[in-house]
Amino acid sequence: MTASPSFYAASSLSAALDALAERGPQGAPLAGGTWIMRAPIRHEPLKPAYVGLDGVPELGRIEETDGILSIGAGVTHARLAEAVAGRPELRVLAEAAGRSANPAIRRAATVGGNLCTTDFAAADLVPALLCLDAEVEIASRGGTERLPLAAFLSLRHSLEPGRLLTRVFVPRSGAVSAHARLPLRKAGDYPTAIVSLSVTRDTAGRIAQARVAVGSVETVARRWTRLEAALVGTPLCGEQAHRAATELADEFAGRDGVEAPGWYRVSVLPVLVRRAVIALH
């Protein structure tokens, strides 16, 4: 029989960092647990030790200072959706947090877990935060480091034991944003493809700056910079954006999965781009 994992409930950030450092590669942080609890279904082994983060106050805070929204890694999807509701530039984040998975999962799943799970390509928060130019804070016994979310995504699989994502920073702006996703079923389903969009407009109503991020199509979400450049200077028109996305979609290599083949994920991107642009109106 396999021994049950040990569990330590940290009551402070320093205690959590100490515990993770001491357990090294044998340990892992545990917050909402919505991904870890299904490890046996995916035939993945559990870690020998887990460090619980629910009792760490800093990780559950949402604060705003000098135009920067700071979101603790322990904030749940449901709480985040409620906190940013009604803000046009953060609508993409409210929709990503408020429409992911199902209500039970949204009440448990955390921001940090969504960003740190390397094998979960369909995470809604990742493209939403990418299009908002978010940064993350990584803490360890030795101090903290702040880096762009895109940089974190490229190295998260190789983070040394003892390092922990603690906060996400989102700059406030005068942009408007939207989140478009395509699940195969109505609710409780992972999206086949995701498009997150944030734009600012000039005095003539044309797009002055665009940030587009794509999730679930490839193994890691990323910005669609060629489409961003193509949209600048154009009116906020769904059909025109659809045409541009159709011409540029061949840069994606869709991942095959049990729920959809890679070619299908790529083929629906222009439709999702059009939906996102229309939603901005």
Protein backbone atom coordinates (compact mmCIF):
# COMPACT_ATOMS: atom_id res chain seq x y z
CA MET A 1 0.00 0.00 0.00
CA THR A 2 1.14 3.55 -0.71
CA ALA A 3 1.51 5.77 2.37
CA SER A 4 -0.81 8.76 2.58
CA PRO A 5 0.88 12.13 2.00
CA SER A 6 1.79 14.19 5.04
CA PHE A 7 0.14 17.59 5.46
CA TYR A 8 1.35 20.77 7.16
CA ALA A 9 -0.98 23.77 7.49
CA ALA A 10 1.04 26.98 7.30
CA SER A 11 -0.25 30.00 9.22
CA SER A 12 2.08 32.58 7.67
CA LEU A 13 3.90 33.11 4.40
CA SER A 14 7.31 32.69 6.02
CA ALA A 15 6.21 29.41 7.59
CA ALA A 16 4.94 28.18 4.22
CA LEU A 17 8.19 29.09 2.48
CA ASP A 18 10.23 27.40 5.21
CA ALA A 19 8.13 24.24 5.00
CA LEU A 20 8.36 24.07 1.21
CA ALA A 21 12.13 24.62 1.30
CA GLU A 22 12.59 21.91 3.93
CA ARG A 23 10.52 19.37 2.00
CA GLY A 24 12.29 20.12 -1.27
CA PRO A 25 11.15 18.13 -4.32
CA GLN A 26 9.10 15.82 -2.09
CA GLY A 27 6.70 18.63 -1.16
CA ALA A 28 4.19 20.85 -2.94
CA PRO A 29 1.83 23.70 -2.00
CA LEU A 30 -1.86 22.93 -1.59
CA ALA A 31 -4.61 25.56 -1.78
CA GLY A 32 -7.89 24.82 -3.58
CA GLY A 33 -6.71 21.34 -4.52
CA THR A 34 -9.04 21.03 -7.52
CA TRP A 35 -6.24 19.77 -9.77
CA ILE A 36 -4.35 17.72 -7.18
CA MET A 37 -7.42 15.81 -6.00
CA ARG A 38 -7.90 14.42 -9.51
CA ALA A 39 -4.32 13.23 -9.87
CA PRO A 40 -5.33 9.53 -9.46
CA ILE A 41 -7.80 9.90 -12.33
CA ARG A 42 -4.94 11.12 -14.52
CA HIS A 43 -2.75 8.26 -13.18
CA GLU A 44 -0.34 10.76 -11.64
CA PRO A 45 1.35 10.09 -8.29
CA LEU A 46 0.70 12.37 -5.34
CA LYS A 47 3.59 14.14 -3.62
CA PRO A 48 4.77 12.63 -0.33
CA ALA A 49 4.11 15.95 1.45
CA TYR A 50 1.84 18.97 1.03
CA VAL A 51 1.96 22.44 2.59
CA GLY A 52 -1.49 23.93 3.09
CA LEU A 53 -1.82 27.62 2.22
CA ASP A 54 -5.40 28.40 3.28
CA GLY A 55 -4.21 29.91 6.56
CA VAL A 56 -1.80 32.40 4.96
CA PRO A 57 -3.54 35.83 5.10
CA GLU A 58 -1.38 37.53 2.45
CA LEU A 59 -2.41 35.04 -0.21
CA GLY A 60 -6.10 35.85 0.16
CA ARG A 61 -5.90 39.61 -0.30
CA ILE A 62 -7.09 41.76 -3.20
CA GLU A 63 -5.72 45.30 -3.00
CA GLU A 64 -5.31 48.31 -5.29
CA THR A 65 -2.48 50.84 -4.98
CA ASP A 66 -1.30 53.48 -7.46
CA GLY A 67 -3.32 52.03 -10.32
CA ILE A 68 -2.08 48.46 -9.80
CA LEU A 69 -4.46 45.68 -8.78
CA SER A 70 -2.73 43.11 -6.54
CA ILE A 71 -4.36 39.69 -6.40
CA GLY A 72 -3.22 37.11 -3.86
CA ALA A 73 -2.47 33.67 -5.24
CA GLY A 74 -4.96 32.13 -2.80
CA VAL A 75 -7.93 34.15 -4.10
CA THR A 76 -10.59 31.89 -5.58
CA HIS A 77 -12.10 32.31 -9.03
CA ALA A 78 -15.50 33.16 -7.53
CA ARG A 79 -14.10 35.86 -5.26
CA LEU A 80 -12.00 37.36 -8.06
CA ALA A 81 -14.99 37.53 -10.42
CA GLU A 82 -16.99 39.36 -7.78
CA ALA A 83 -14.16 41.74 -6.92
CA VAL A 84 -13.55 42.98 -10.48
CA ALA A 85 -17.14 42.93 -11.75
CA GLY A 86 -18.31 46.14 -13.41
CA ARG A 87 -14.86 47.38 -14.49
CA PRO A 88 -14.70 47.55 -18.30
CA GLU A 89 -10.92 47.13 -18.56
CA LEU A 90 -11.11 44.07 -16.27
CA ARG A 91 -14.18 42.51 -17.83
CA VAL A 92 -11.96 39.89 -19.47
CA LEU A 93 -10.77 38.85 -16.01
CA ALA A 94 -14.25 38.84 -14.51
CA GLU A 95 -15.53 36.64 -17.32
CA ALA A 96 -12.54 34.29 -17.21
CA ALA A 97 -12.91 33.81 -13.46
CA GLY A 98 -16.70 33.76 -13.45
CA ARG A 99 -17.29 31.34 -16.33
CA SER A 100 -14.55 28.75 -15.84
CA ALA A 101 -15.47 25.18 -14.91
CA ASN A 102 -18.57 25.16 -12.67
CA PRO A 103 -19.72 27.01 -9.51
CA ALA A 104 -18.32 24.41 -7.10
CA ILE A 105 -14.88 24.51 -8.70
CA ARG A 106 -14.91 28.32 -8.89
CA ARG A 107 -15.48 28.51 -5.13
CA ALA A 108 -12.37 26.39 -4.50
CA ALA A 109 -9.90 26.84 -7.38
CA THR A 110 -7.32 29.57 -6.79
CA VAL A 111 -5.54 32.06 -9.01
CA GLY A 112 -2.16 30.61 -8.12
CA GLY A 113 -3.21 27.06 -8.89
CA ASN A 114 -4.61 28.11 -12.25
CA LEU A 115 -1.34 29.77 -13.25
CA CYS A 116 1.03 27.15 -11.83
CA THR A 117 -0.51 23.95 -13.17
CA THR A 118 1.79 23.18 -16.07
CA ASP A 119 -0.30 20.37 -17.57
CA PHE A 120 -3.56 22.35 -17.69
CA ALA A 121 -3.64 24.02 -21.12
CA ALA A 122 -7.29 25.13 -20.82
CA ALA A 123 -6.88 27.50 -17.86
CA ASP A 124 -9.12 30.54 -18.41
CA LEU A 125 -7.20 32.99 -16.23
CA VAL A 126 -3.91 32.62 -18.11
CA PRO A 127 -4.92 34.26 -21.45
CA ALA A 128 -7.06 36.81 -19.61
CA LEU A 129 -4.10 37.94 -17.52
CA LEU A 130 -1.73 37.82 -20.50
CA CYS A 131 -3.86 40.32 -22.41
CA LEU A 132 -3.85 42.57 -19.34
CA ASP A 133 -0.02 42.65 -19.21
CA ALA A 134 -0.03 41.02 -15.79
CA GLU A 135 3.07 40.34 -13.72
CA VAL A 136 3.59 37.78 -10.97
CA GLU A 137 5.54 37.74 -7.72
CA ILE A 138 7.60 34.67 -6.81
CA ALA A 139 8.70 34.35 -3.20
CA SER A 140 11.29 32.16 -1.49
CA ARG A 141 13.35 32.19 1.69
CA GLY A 142 15.81 34.42 -0.13
CA GLY A 143 13.33 37.16 -1.08
CA THR A 144 10.88 37.99 -3.84
CA GLU A 145 11.10 38.37 -7.60
CA ARG A 146 8.63 40.07 -9.92
CA LEU A 147 8.42 39.10 -13.58
CA PRO A 148 5.99 39.25 -16.52
CA LEU A 149 3.43 36.44 -16.64
CA ALA A 150 4.70 35.32 -20.06
CA ALA A 151 8.19 34.84 -18.62
CA PHE A 152 6.79 32.88 -15.68
CA LEU A 153 4.89 30.54 -18.01
CA SER A 154 8.12 29.67 -19.80
CA LEU A 155 9.92 28.68 -16.58
CA ARG A 156 7.19 27.48 -14.22
CA HIS A 157 7.90 23.80 -14.97
CA SER A 158 11.47 24.26 -13.73
CA LEU A 159 10.91 26.37 -10.59
CA GLU A 160 13.19 25.23 -7.78
CA PRO A 161 11.55 23.68 -4.72
CA GLY A 162 10.73 26.31 -2.12
CA ARG A 163 9.66 29.00 -4.56
CA LEU A 164 6.02 30.03 -4.49
CA LEU A 165 3.84 32.28 -6.65
CA THR A 166 2.32 34.70 -4.14
CA ARG A 167 0.69 37.57 -6.04
CA VAL A 168 -0.46 38.72 -9.46
CA PHE A 169 -0.25 42.38 -10.47
CA VAL A 170 -2.60 43.88 -13.05
CA PRO A 171 -2.09 47.50 -14.20
CA ARG A 172 -5.32 49.49 -14.51
CA SER A 173 -5.85 51.25 -17.86
CA GLY A 174 -8.40 52.96 -20.05
CA ALA A 175 -8.88 49.86 -22.18
CA VAL A 176 -11.98 47.74 -22.69
CA SER A 177 -11.74 43.96 -22.68
CA ALA A 178 -13.62 40.74 -23.39
CA HIS A 179 -13.17 36.98 -23.01
CA ALA A 180 -14.49 34.48 -25.56
CA ARG A 181 -14.34 30.72 -24.97
CA LEU A 182 -15.75 27.68 -26.73
CA PRO A 183 -16.67 24.72 -24.51
CA LEU A 184 -18.13 21.62 -26.14
CA ARG A 185 -20.93 21.53 -23.57
CA LYS A 186 -22.89 24.23 -21.80
CA ALA A 187 -21.28 24.04 -18.36
CA GLY A 188 -18.54 22.30 -16.43
CA ASP A 189 -16.45 21.72 -19.54
CA TYR A 190 -12.92 22.78 -20.41
CA PRO A 191 -12.85 25.23 -23.34
CA THR A 192 -11.64 23.97 -26.70
CA ALA A 193 -10.19 27.41 -27.43
CA ILE A 194 -10.02 30.78 -25.67
CA VAL A 195 -9.47 34.32 -26.97
CA SER A 196 -8.90 37.16 -24.51
CA LEU A 197 -8.85 40.69 -25.89
CA SER A 198 -8.05 44.14 -24.53
CA VAL A 199 -8.06 47.30 -26.66
CA THR A 200 -7.73 51.05 -26.35
CA ARG A 201 -9.20 53.38 -28.97
CA ASP A 202 -8.18 56.76 -30.35
CA THR A 203 -10.41 59.81 -30.64
CA ALA A 204 -11.71 58.57 -34.00
CA GLY A 205 -12.82 55.28 -32.45
CA ARG A 206 -10.12 53.21 -34.13
CA ILE A 207 -8.00 50.69 -32.28
CA ALA A 208 -4.88 52.40 -30.91
CA GLN A 209 -3.52 49.38 -29.06
CA ALA A 210 -4.61 45.75 -28.99
CA ARG A 211 -3.57 42.85 -26.80
CA VAL A 212 -4.81 39.42 -27.81
CA ALA A 213 -4.06 36.19 -25.98
CA VAL A 214 -4.99 32.65 -27.00
CA GLY A 215 -5.47 29.76 -24.60
CA SER A 216 -6.27 26.03 -24.81
CA VAL A 217 -5.23 25.84 -28.48
CA GLU A 218 -1.58 25.03 -27.78
CA THR A 219 -0.05 23.55 -24.64
CA VAL A 220 0.76 27.01 -23.23
CA ALA A 221 -1.28 30.18 -23.69
CA ARG A 222 0.43 33.06 -25.51
CA ARG A 223 -0.09 36.49 -27.02
CA TRP A 224 -1.11 36.72 -30.68
CA THR A 225 1.19 39.59 -31.58
CA ARG A 226 0.70 39.44 -35.36
CA LEU A 227 -3.04 39.87 -34.94
CA GLU A 228 -2.46 42.67 -32.45
CA ALA A 229 -0.43 44.55 -35.06
CA ALA A 230 -3.05 43.88 -37.75
CA LEU A 231 -5.85 45.34 -35.61
CA VAL A 232 -4.12 48.63 -34.81
CA GLY A 233 -5.61 51.48 -36.86
CA THR A 234 -8.76 49.57 -37.77
CA PRO A 235 -12.30 50.23 -36.58
CA LEU A 236 -13.78 48.05 -33.86
CA CYS A 237 -15.42 45.71 -36.37
CA GLY A 238 -16.07 42.03 -35.72
CA GLU A 239 -16.05 41.01 -39.38
CA GLN A 240 -12.81 42.82 -40.12
CA ALA A 241 -11.17 41.24 -37.09
CA HIS A 242 -12.47 37.84 -38.22
CA ARG A 243 -10.84 38.26 -41.63
CA ALA A 244 -7.51 39.27 -40.10
CA ALA A 245 -7.60 36.32 -37.68
CA THR A 246 -8.41 33.90 -40.53
CA GLU A 247 -5.37 35.08 -42.48
CA LEU A 248 -3.06 34.71 -39.47
CA ALA A 249 -4.40 31.59 -37.72
CA ASP A 250 -1.95 29.28 -39.49
CA GLU A 251 0.78 30.31 -37.03
CA PHE A 252 -0.84 28.10 -34.37
CA ALA A 253 -0.13 24.38 -34.07
CA GLY A 254 -3.21 23.11 -32.28
CA ARG A 255 -2.84 20.37 -29.68
CA ASP A 256 -4.77 17.16 -30.11
CA GLY A 257 -6.89 16.05 -27.17
CA VAL A 258 -9.73 13.70 -26.32
CA GLU A 259 -12.18 16.58 -26.49
CA ALA A 260 -11.03 18.07 -29.82
CA PRO A 261 -8.32 17.67 -32.48
CA GLY A 262 -5.73 20.38 -32.95
CA TRP A 263 -7.00 21.51 -36.35
CA TYR A 264 -10.44 22.21 -34.88
CA ARG A 265 -9.03 24.37 -32.09
CA VAL A 266 -7.23 26.52 -34.66
CA SER A 267 -10.23 26.71 -36.98
CA VAL A 268 -12.51 28.28 -34.35
CA LEU A 269 -10.10 31.07 -33.43
CA PRO A 270 -11.41 33.61 -35.97
CA VAL A 271 -14.95 33.08 -34.70
CA LEU A 272 -13.85 33.68 -31.12
CA VAL A 273 -11.96 36.81 -32.17
CA ARG A 274 -15.13 38.14 -33.80
CA ARG A 275 -17.17 37.35 -30.67
CA ALA A 276 -14.67 39.13 -28.45
CA VAL A 277 -14.63 42.25 -30.64
CA ILE A 278 -18.44 42.36 -30.81
CA ALA A 279 -18.58 42.01 -27.02
CA LEU A 280 -16.48 45.18 -26.67
CA HIS A 281 -19.35 47.23 -28.06
